[in-house]
Amino acid sequence: MPSRLLCAASAAASVKFHTLRREQLVRRPLAEVFGFFSDARNLEEITPPWLGFRTLTPGPIRLATGTRIRYRLSLHGAPVSWTTEIRCWDPPSRFIDVQLSGPYRLWHHTHRFEACNGGTRMIDVVRYRLPFGPIGRLVNALVVRRDVERIFDYRNSRIGEIFH
């Protein structure tokens, strides 16, 4: 299936989820910014240290539609294994990763990149759902939503430092 069709199919598969949207302007060219995100190991550099996030997949990792990456992290002291797959790879405009296994029932992260006023506008849209129905929704309201927001706050801050 062509990459663009996979992108559409991935986006359509999500129903009844929570959404986090973040936008950030980076004063660097699109090719440079997308290049940074094309290296899966850079995710460790923009993930908060309190998560103890580590990439387990041996490198170098060539990102493309179908690439799977394994990670290990700690959520509130509990070790978590996480495997994602790149479902859409459309350089330098966007890519989509989804969780195959991990703490969420659904994790669908769209990364978009647009040239803007000599820099790059980055747009992240994360759609996620927790397991356990109403209990999962309560846990999201009490803990998870705030955790996801803090992770992306940290990420935006680090990206600002890296591309100062």
N, C-alpha and C. Protein backbone atom coordinates (compact mmCIF):
# COMPACT_ATOMS: atom_id res chain seq x y z
N MET A 1 0.85 -1.18 0.00
CA MET A 1 0.00 0.00 0.00
C MET A 1 0.89 1.24 0.00
N PRO A 2 0.66 2.23 -0.86
CA PRO A 2 1.48 3.43 -0.89
C PRO A 2 1.45 4.16 0.44
N SER A 3 2.55 4.88 0.73
CA SER A 3 2.71 5.57 2.00
C SER A 3 1.54 6.50 2.32
N ARG A 4 1.08 7.27 1.36
CA ARG A 4 0.00 8.23 1.62
C ARG A 4 -1.30 7.52 2.00
N LEU A 5 -1.56 6.35 1.41
CA LEU A 5 -2.76 5.60 1.77
C LEU A 5 -2.64 5.05 3.19
N LEU A 6 -1.45 4.61 3.57
CA LEU A 6 -1.25 4.15 4.95
C LEU A 6 -1.49 5.29 5.93
N CYS A 7 -1.06 6.49 5.58
CA CYS A 7 -1.26 7.65 6.44
C CYS A 7 -2.76 7.87 6.68
N ALA A 8 -3.52 7.85 5.62
CA ALA A 8 -4.96 8.07 5.74
C ALA A 8 -5.62 6.95 6.53
N ALA A 9 -5.21 5.71 6.28
CA ALA A 9 -5.81 4.58 6.99
C ALA A 9 -5.49 4.64 8.47
N SER A 10 -4.27 5.04 8.84
CA SER A 10 -3.89 5.15 10.25
C SER A 10 -4.72 6.21 10.96
N ALA A 11 -4.90 7.35 10.32
CA ALA A 11 -5.64 8.43 10.95
C ALA A 11 -7.12 8.07 11.13
N ALA A 12 -7.68 7.33 10.19
CA ALA A 12 -9.09 6.99 10.25
C ALA A 12 -9.39 5.91 11.29
N ALA A 13 -8.38 5.18 11.72
CA ALA A 13 -8.60 4.05 12.62
C ALA A 13 -8.90 4.48 14.06
N SER A 14 -8.67 5.75 14.40
CA SER A 14 -8.81 6.20 15.79
C SER A 14 -10.21 6.73 16.08
N VAL A 15 -10.82 6.19 17.15
CA VAL A 15 -12.10 6.70 17.62
C VAL A 15 -12.06 6.73 19.14
N LYS A 16 -12.82 7.68 19.77
CA LYS A 16 -12.92 7.79 21.22
C LYS A 16 -11.54 7.84 21.86
N PHE A 17 -10.85 8.95 21.66
CA PHE A 17 -9.50 9.10 22.18
C PHE A 17 -9.33 10.49 22.76
N HIS A 18 -8.25 10.67 23.50
CA HIS A 18 -7.84 11.97 24.01
C HIS A 18 -6.87 12.55 22.99
N THR A 19 -6.83 13.87 22.88
CA THR A 19 -5.95 14.51 21.91
C THR A 19 -5.10 15.58 22.58
N LEU A 20 -3.82 15.57 22.25
CA LEU A 20 -2.90 16.64 22.65
C LEU A 20 -2.33 17.22 21.37
N ARG A 21 -2.39 18.53 21.23
CA ARG A 21 -1.85 19.21 20.04
C ARG A 21 -0.86 20.27 20.51
N ARG A 22 0.31 20.25 19.91
CA ARG A 22 1.34 21.24 20.21
C ARG A 22 1.91 21.77 18.92
N GLU A 23 2.23 23.07 18.93
CA GLU A 23 2.83 23.71 17.77
C GLU A 23 4.01 24.53 18.25
N GLN A 24 5.09 24.51 17.47
CA GLN A 24 6.30 25.21 17.86
C GLN A 24 7.00 25.71 16.60
N LEU A 25 7.47 26.96 16.65
CA LEU A 25 8.23 27.52 15.55
C LEU A 25 9.71 27.42 15.89
N VAL A 26 10.48 26.80 15.02
CA VAL A 26 11.91 26.64 15.20
C VAL A 26 12.60 27.47 14.13
N ARG A 27 13.52 28.30 14.52
CA ARG A 27 14.20 29.20 13.58
C ARG A 27 15.36 28.51 12.86
N ARG A 28 15.06 27.35 12.29
CA ARG A 28 16.04 26.60 11.51
C ARG A 28 15.32 26.06 10.28
N PRO A 29 16.08 25.79 9.21
CA PRO A 29 15.46 25.30 7.97
C PRO A 29 14.77 23.95 8.15
N LEU A 30 13.75 23.76 7.35
CA LEU A 30 12.97 22.53 7.37
C LEU A 30 13.84 21.28 7.27
N ALA A 31 14.80 21.26 6.33
CA ALA A 31 15.64 20.08 6.13
C ALA A 31 16.43 19.75 7.40
N GLU A 32 16.93 20.76 8.10
CA GLU A 32 17.71 20.53 9.32
C GLU A 32 16.82 19.98 10.44
N VAL A 33 15.65 20.57 10.61
CA VAL A 33 14.75 20.13 11.68
C VAL A 33 14.24 18.72 11.40
N PHE A 34 13.79 18.46 10.18
CA PHE A 34 13.32 17.12 9.86
C PHE A 34 14.46 16.11 9.99
N GLY A 35 15.66 16.52 9.61
CA GLY A 35 16.82 15.65 9.75
C GLY A 35 17.06 15.23 11.19
N PHE A 36 16.88 16.14 12.12
CA PHE A 36 17.03 15.82 13.55
C PHE A 36 16.02 14.75 13.96
N PHE A 37 14.78 14.91 13.53
CA PHE A 37 13.73 13.96 13.89
C PHE A 37 13.83 12.65 13.11
N SER A 38 14.61 12.64 12.05
CA SER A 38 14.83 11.42 11.27
C SER A 38 15.79 10.46 11.96
N ASP A 39 16.46 10.92 13.01
CA ASP A 39 17.36 10.07 13.78
C ASP A 39 16.63 9.65 15.05
N ALA A 40 16.17 8.40 15.10
CA ALA A 40 15.37 7.91 16.21
C ALA A 40 16.07 8.06 17.56
N ARG A 41 17.39 8.04 17.58
CA ARG A 41 18.12 8.18 18.85
C ARG A 41 17.96 9.57 19.46
N ASN A 42 17.62 10.56 18.66
CA ASN A 42 17.42 11.91 19.20
C ASN A 42 16.21 12.00 20.12
N LEU A 43 15.32 11.01 20.06
CA LEU A 43 14.16 11.01 20.96
C LEU A 43 14.61 10.98 22.42
N GLU A 44 15.70 10.30 22.72
CA GLU A 44 16.23 10.28 24.09
C GLU A 44 16.61 11.69 24.54
N GLU A 45 17.13 12.49 23.61
CA GLU A 45 17.60 13.83 23.93
C GLU A 45 16.45 14.80 24.24
N ILE A 46 15.27 14.53 23.73
CA ILE A 46 14.15 15.46 23.95
C ILE A 46 13.08 14.88 24.87
N THR A 47 13.38 13.75 25.52
CA THR A 47 12.46 13.13 26.46
C THR A 47 12.92 13.43 27.88
N PRO A 48 12.01 13.77 28.78
CA PRO A 48 12.40 14.14 30.15
C PRO A 48 13.23 13.06 30.84
N PRO A 49 14.27 13.46 31.57
CA PRO A 49 15.12 12.49 32.24
C PRO A 49 14.37 11.65 33.28
N TRP A 50 13.31 12.19 33.87
CA TRP A 50 12.58 11.44 34.89
C TRP A 50 11.88 10.20 34.33
N LEU A 51 11.82 10.07 33.00
CA LEU A 51 11.23 8.87 32.40
C LEU A 51 12.25 7.75 32.20
N GLY A 52 13.54 8.05 32.35
CA GLY A 52 14.55 7.03 32.15
C GLY A 52 14.44 6.36 30.79
N PHE A 53 14.13 7.13 29.78
CA PHE A 53 13.83 6.64 28.43
C PHE A 53 15.09 6.17 27.72
N ARG A 54 15.06 4.94 27.18
CA ARG A 54 16.19 4.39 26.44
C ARG A 54 15.69 3.65 25.19
N THR A 55 16.41 3.85 24.08
CA THR A 55 16.12 3.13 22.85
C THR A 55 16.81 1.78 22.93
N LEU A 56 16.07 0.71 22.73
CA LEU A 56 16.62 -0.65 22.79
C LEU A 56 16.99 -1.19 21.42
N THR A 57 16.33 -0.71 20.38
CA THR A 57 16.62 -1.18 19.03
C THR A 57 18.04 -0.76 18.66
N PRO A 58 18.87 -1.71 18.23
CA PRO A 58 20.24 -1.35 17.86
C PRO A 58 20.26 -0.44 16.64
N GLY A 59 21.22 0.46 16.63
CA GLY A 59 21.35 1.41 15.54
C GLY A 59 22.37 0.95 14.52
N PRO A 60 22.47 1.64 13.43
CA PRO A 60 21.62 2.78 13.10
C PRO A 60 20.21 2.33 12.71
N ILE A 61 19.23 3.17 13.03
CA ILE A 61 17.84 2.86 12.73
C ILE A 61 17.44 3.69 11.51
N ARG A 62 17.07 3.02 10.44
CA ARG A 62 16.63 3.71 9.22
C ARG A 62 15.11 3.87 9.31
N LEU A 63 14.66 5.11 9.43
CA LEU A 63 13.22 5.34 9.52
C LEU A 63 12.58 5.28 8.14
N ALA A 64 11.49 4.56 8.08
CA ALA A 64 10.69 4.39 6.86
C ALA A 64 9.36 3.80 7.29
N THR A 65 8.39 3.82 6.42
CA THR A 65 7.12 3.17 6.74
C THR A 65 7.40 1.71 7.09
N GLY A 66 6.91 1.27 8.23
CA GLY A 66 7.10 -0.11 8.68
C GLY A 66 8.23 -0.29 9.68
N THR A 67 9.08 0.72 9.89
CA THR A 67 10.17 0.60 10.87
C THR A 67 9.58 0.45 12.26
N ARG A 68 10.09 -0.53 13.00
CA ARG A 68 9.68 -0.76 14.39
C ARG A 68 10.84 -0.43 15.31
N ILE A 69 10.51 0.25 16.42
CA ILE A 69 11.53 0.66 17.38
C ILE A 69 11.08 0.28 18.78
N ARG A 70 12.00 -0.32 19.53
CA ARG A 70 11.71 -0.73 20.91
C ARG A 70 12.39 0.24 21.89
N TYR A 71 11.66 0.55 22.97
CA TYR A 71 12.15 1.45 24.00
C TYR A 71 11.90 0.84 25.37
N ARG A 72 12.57 1.40 26.35
CA ARG A 72 12.30 1.09 27.76
C ARG A 72 12.22 2.43 28.48
N LEU A 73 11.24 2.56 29.39
CA LEU A 73 11.10 3.77 30.18
C LEU A 73 10.50 3.40 31.53
N SER A 74 10.35 4.41 32.37
CA SER A 74 9.78 4.20 33.69
C SER A 74 8.65 5.20 33.90
N LEU A 75 7.45 4.69 34.19
CA LEU A 75 6.29 5.55 34.47
C LEU A 75 5.97 5.45 35.94
N HIS A 76 6.19 6.53 36.67
CA HIS A 76 5.94 6.56 38.11
C HIS A 76 6.63 5.39 38.82
N GLY A 77 7.86 5.10 38.39
CA GLY A 77 8.66 4.06 39.02
C GLY A 77 8.46 2.66 38.46
N ALA A 78 7.47 2.47 37.61
CA ALA A 78 7.21 1.14 37.04
C ALA A 78 7.89 1.02 35.67
N PRO A 79 8.71 -0.03 35.47
CA PRO A 79 9.36 -0.20 34.17
C PRO A 79 8.33 -0.55 33.09
N VAL A 80 8.51 0.06 31.92
CA VAL A 80 7.58 -0.13 30.82
C VAL A 80 8.37 -0.39 29.54
N SER A 81 7.96 -1.40 28.80
CA SER A 81 8.49 -1.64 27.46
C SER A 81 7.52 -1.00 26.47
N TRP A 82 8.05 -0.41 25.43
CA TRP A 82 7.22 0.29 24.45
C TRP A 82 7.77 -0.03 23.07
N THR A 83 6.91 -0.43 22.16
CA THR A 83 7.30 -0.66 20.77
C THR A 83 6.42 0.19 19.88
N THR A 84 7.07 0.95 18.99
CA THR A 84 6.32 1.78 18.04
C THR A 84 6.64 1.33 16.63
N GLU A 85 5.76 1.72 15.72
CA GLU A 85 5.97 1.48 14.30
C GLU A 85 5.70 2.76 13.54
N ILE A 86 6.56 3.05 12.59
CA ILE A 86 6.32 4.19 11.70
C ILE A 86 5.26 3.74 10.68
N ARG A 87 4.10 4.37 10.72
CA ARG A 87 3.01 4.00 9.81
C ARG A 87 2.97 4.86 8.56
N CYS A 88 3.58 6.03 8.65
CA CYS A 88 3.61 6.94 7.52
C CYS A 88 4.96 7.65 7.56
N TRP A 89 5.66 7.65 6.45
CA TRP A 89 6.96 8.33 6.35
C TRP A 89 6.92 9.17 5.08
N ASP A 90 6.80 10.49 5.25
CA ASP A 90 6.61 11.40 4.13
C ASP A 90 7.55 12.61 4.28
N PRO A 91 8.89 12.37 4.15
CA PRO A 91 9.85 13.46 4.35
C PRO A 91 9.73 14.54 3.29
N PRO A 92 9.97 15.78 3.65
CA PRO A 92 10.23 16.31 4.98
C PRO A 92 8.97 16.88 5.63
N SER A 93 7.80 16.41 5.21
CA SER A 93 6.54 16.99 5.67
C SER A 93 5.97 16.39 6.93
N ARG A 94 6.04 15.06 7.06
CA ARG A 94 5.42 14.44 8.23
C ARG A 94 5.83 12.99 8.36
N PHE A 95 5.57 12.49 9.56
CA PHE A 95 5.60 11.05 9.79
C PHE A 95 4.66 10.75 10.94
N ILE A 96 4.21 9.51 10.98
CA ILE A 96 3.26 9.06 12.01
C ILE A 96 3.84 7.82 12.66
N ASP A 97 3.86 7.84 14.00
CA ASP A 97 4.23 6.63 14.72
C ASP A 97 3.06 6.18 15.58
N VAL A 98 2.91 4.88 15.71
CA VAL A 98 1.85 4.31 16.54
C VAL A 98 2.47 3.28 17.49
N GLN A 99 1.85 3.16 18.63
CA GLN A 99 2.30 2.17 19.60
C GLN A 99 1.77 0.80 19.19
N LEU A 100 2.68 -0.18 19.13
CA LEU A 100 2.27 -1.57 18.92
C LEU A 100 2.09 -2.27 20.26
N SER A 101 2.95 -1.95 21.21
CA SER A 101 2.81 -2.47 22.57
C SER A 101 3.34 -1.43 23.53
N GLY A 102 2.70 -1.32 24.68
CA GLY A 102 3.11 -0.33 25.66
C GLY A 102 1.97 0.00 26.60
N PRO A 103 2.05 1.15 27.27
CA PRO A 103 1.10 1.47 28.33
C PRO A 103 -0.28 1.94 27.86
N TYR A 104 -0.42 2.28 26.60
CA TYR A 104 -1.68 2.83 26.11
C TYR A 104 -2.44 1.77 25.32
N ARG A 105 -3.74 1.94 25.28
CA ARG A 105 -4.53 1.09 24.38
C ARG A 105 -4.35 1.59 22.95
N LEU A 106 -4.19 2.92 22.82
CA LEU A 106 -3.95 3.55 21.53
C LEU A 106 -2.97 4.69 21.73
N TRP A 107 -1.96 4.78 20.88
CA TRP A 107 -1.05 5.93 20.81
C TRP A 107 -0.76 6.16 19.35
N HIS A 108 -1.20 7.31 18.84
CA HIS A 108 -1.07 7.66 17.43
C HIS A 108 -0.52 9.08 17.39
N HIS A 109 0.74 9.23 16.98
CA HIS A 109 1.43 10.52 17.03
C HIS A 109 1.79 10.97 15.62
N THR A 110 1.16 12.07 15.20
CA THR A 110 1.46 12.67 13.91
C THR A 110 2.42 13.83 14.13
N HIS A 111 3.55 13.79 13.43
CA HIS A 111 4.57 14.84 13.46
C HIS A 111 4.48 15.55 12.10
N ARG A 112 4.18 16.85 12.10
CA ARG A 112 4.15 17.59 10.84
C ARG A 112 5.20 18.70 10.89
N PHE A 113 5.77 18.98 9.73
CA PHE A 113 6.82 19.99 9.60
C PHE A 113 6.49 20.84 8.39
N GLU A 114 6.49 22.17 8.57
CA GLU A 114 6.19 23.10 7.48
C GLU A 114 7.21 24.22 7.47
N ALA A 115 7.71 24.58 6.29
CA ALA A 115 8.57 25.75 6.17
C ALA A 115 7.72 26.98 6.49
N CYS A 116 8.29 27.89 7.31
CA CYS A 116 7.52 29.05 7.75
C CYS A 116 8.47 30.20 8.08
N ASN A 117 8.40 31.28 7.30
CA ASN A 117 9.18 32.49 7.58
C ASN A 117 10.66 32.20 7.82
N GLY A 118 11.27 31.38 6.99
CA GLY A 118 12.69 31.08 7.12
C GLY A 118 13.00 30.05 8.19
N GLY A 119 11.99 29.55 8.86
CA GLY A 119 12.17 28.53 9.89
C GLY A 119 11.27 27.34 9.60
N THR A 120 10.94 26.63 10.67
CA THR A 120 10.10 25.44 10.54
C THR A 120 9.02 25.43 11.62
N ARG A 121 7.79 25.27 11.19
CA ARG A 121 6.69 25.07 12.15
C ARG A 121 6.55 23.57 12.35
N MET A 122 6.63 23.17 13.61
CA MET A 122 6.43 21.77 13.97
C MET A 122 5.07 21.64 14.62
N ILE A 123 4.30 20.67 14.19
CA ILE A 123 2.98 20.44 14.75
C ILE A 123 2.90 18.98 15.17
N ASP A 124 2.64 18.76 16.44
CA ASP A 124 2.47 17.41 16.98
C ASP A 124 1.01 17.23 17.35
N VAL A 125 0.42 16.15 16.89
CA VAL A 125 -0.93 15.77 17.31
C VAL A 125 -0.85 14.34 17.82
N VAL A 126 -1.14 14.18 19.11
CA VAL A 126 -1.12 12.86 19.73
C VAL A 126 -2.55 12.49 20.08
N ARG A 127 -2.97 11.35 19.59
CA ARG A 127 -4.27 10.79 19.96
C ARG A 127 -3.97 9.54 20.77
N TYR A 128 -4.54 9.48 21.96
CA TYR A 128 -4.27 8.33 22.80
C TYR A 128 -5.51 7.91 23.56
N ARG A 129 -5.50 6.66 23.96
CA ARG A 129 -6.59 6.09 24.76
C ARG A 129 -5.95 5.12 25.74
N LEU A 130 -6.46 5.12 26.94
CA LEU A 130 -5.99 4.20 27.97
C LEU A 130 -6.87 2.96 27.99
N PRO A 131 -6.35 1.86 28.51
CA PRO A 131 -7.20 0.68 28.69
C PRO A 131 -8.18 0.89 29.84
N PHE A 132 -9.07 -0.02 30.06
CA PHE A 132 -9.97 -0.09 31.21
C PHE A 132 -11.14 0.88 31.16
N GLY A 133 -11.56 1.31 29.99
CA GLY A 133 -12.79 2.08 29.82
C GLY A 133 -12.92 3.26 30.75
N PRO A 134 -14.01 3.30 31.57
CA PRO A 134 -14.25 4.45 32.45
C PRO A 134 -13.13 4.65 33.47
N ILE A 135 -12.53 3.58 33.94
CA ILE A 135 -11.42 3.72 34.89
C ILE A 135 -10.23 4.39 34.19
N GLY A 136 -9.96 4.00 32.96
CA GLY A 136 -8.89 4.62 32.19
C GLY A 136 -9.15 6.10 31.96
N ARG A 137 -10.40 6.47 31.71
CA ARG A 137 -10.73 7.89 31.53
C ARG A 137 -10.52 8.67 32.81
N LEU A 138 -10.84 8.06 33.96
CA LEU A 138 -10.61 8.71 35.25
C LEU A 138 -9.11 8.86 35.50
N VAL A 139 -8.34 7.82 35.26
CA VAL A 139 -6.89 7.88 35.44
C VAL A 139 -6.29 8.93 34.52
N ASN A 140 -6.81 9.06 33.31
CA ASN A 140 -6.34 10.11 32.41
C ASN A 140 -6.59 11.49 33.02
N ALA A 141 -7.80 11.71 33.51
CA ALA A 141 -8.15 13.01 34.08
C ALA A 141 -7.30 13.33 35.31
N LEU A 142 -6.99 12.32 36.12
CA LEU A 142 -6.25 12.54 37.37
C LEU A 142 -4.74 12.60 37.19
N VAL A 143 -4.18 11.82 36.24
CA VAL A 143 -2.73 11.67 36.16
C VAL A 143 -2.17 11.77 34.75
N VAL A 144 -2.68 10.95 33.85
CA VAL A 144 -2.03 10.75 32.56
C VAL A 144 -2.01 12.02 31.71
N ARG A 145 -3.13 12.72 31.63
CA ARG A 145 -3.19 13.94 30.81
C ARG A 145 -2.09 14.91 31.23
N ARG A 146 -1.95 15.11 32.54
CA ARG A 146 -0.92 16.01 33.06
C ARG A 146 0.48 15.49 32.73
N ASP A 147 0.68 14.17 32.84
CA ASP A 147 1.98 13.58 32.49
C ASP A 147 2.32 13.82 31.02
N VAL A 148 1.37 13.57 30.13
CA VAL A 148 1.62 13.75 28.69
C VAL A 148 1.91 15.22 28.40
N GLU A 149 1.18 16.13 29.03
CA GLU A 149 1.44 17.56 28.83
C GLU A 149 2.83 17.94 29.33
N ARG A 150 3.25 17.43 30.48
CA ARG A 150 4.59 17.72 31.02
C ARG A 150 5.68 17.18 30.09
N ILE A 151 5.47 16.00 29.53
CA ILE A 151 6.45 15.42 28.60
C ILE A 151 6.61 16.32 27.38
N PHE A 152 5.50 16.81 26.83
CA PHE A 152 5.58 17.67 25.65
C PHE A 152 6.05 19.08 26.00
N ASP A 153 5.78 19.55 27.22
CA ASP A 153 6.36 20.83 27.65
C ASP A 153 7.88 20.73 27.68
N TYR A 154 8.37 19.63 28.25
CA TYR A 154 9.82 19.41 28.31
C TYR A 154 10.39 19.30 26.90
N ARG A 155 9.73 18.56 26.07
CA ARG A 155 10.18 18.37 24.69
C ARG A 155 10.29 19.70 23.97
N ASN A 156 9.27 20.55 24.08
CA ASN A 156 9.30 21.87 23.42
C ASN A 156 10.46 22.71 23.95
N SER A 157 10.69 22.67 25.24
CA SER A 157 11.80 23.42 25.84
C SER A 157 13.14 22.93 25.30
N ARG A 158 13.34 21.61 25.26
CA ARG A 158 14.60 21.04 24.77
C ARG A 158 14.81 21.36 23.29
N ILE A 159 13.75 21.29 22.50
CA ILE A 159 13.88 21.62 21.08
C ILE A 159 14.30 23.07 20.92
N GLY A 160 13.73 23.96 21.75
CA GLY A 160 14.15 25.36 21.73
C GLY A 160 15.62 25.54 22.06
N GLU A 161 16.11 24.76 23.03
CA GLU A 161 17.53 24.82 23.40
C GLU A 161 18.42 24.26 22.28
N ILE A 162 18.02 23.14 21.72
CA ILE A 162 18.84 22.49 20.68
C ILE A 162 18.95 23.37 19.42
N PHE A 163 17.84 23.99 19.04
CA PHE A 163 17.81 24.80 17.82
C PHE A 163 17.82 26.30 18.13
N HIS A 164 18.47 26.70 19.20
CA HIS A 164 18.51 28.11 19.63
C HIS A 164 18.91 29.03 18.55
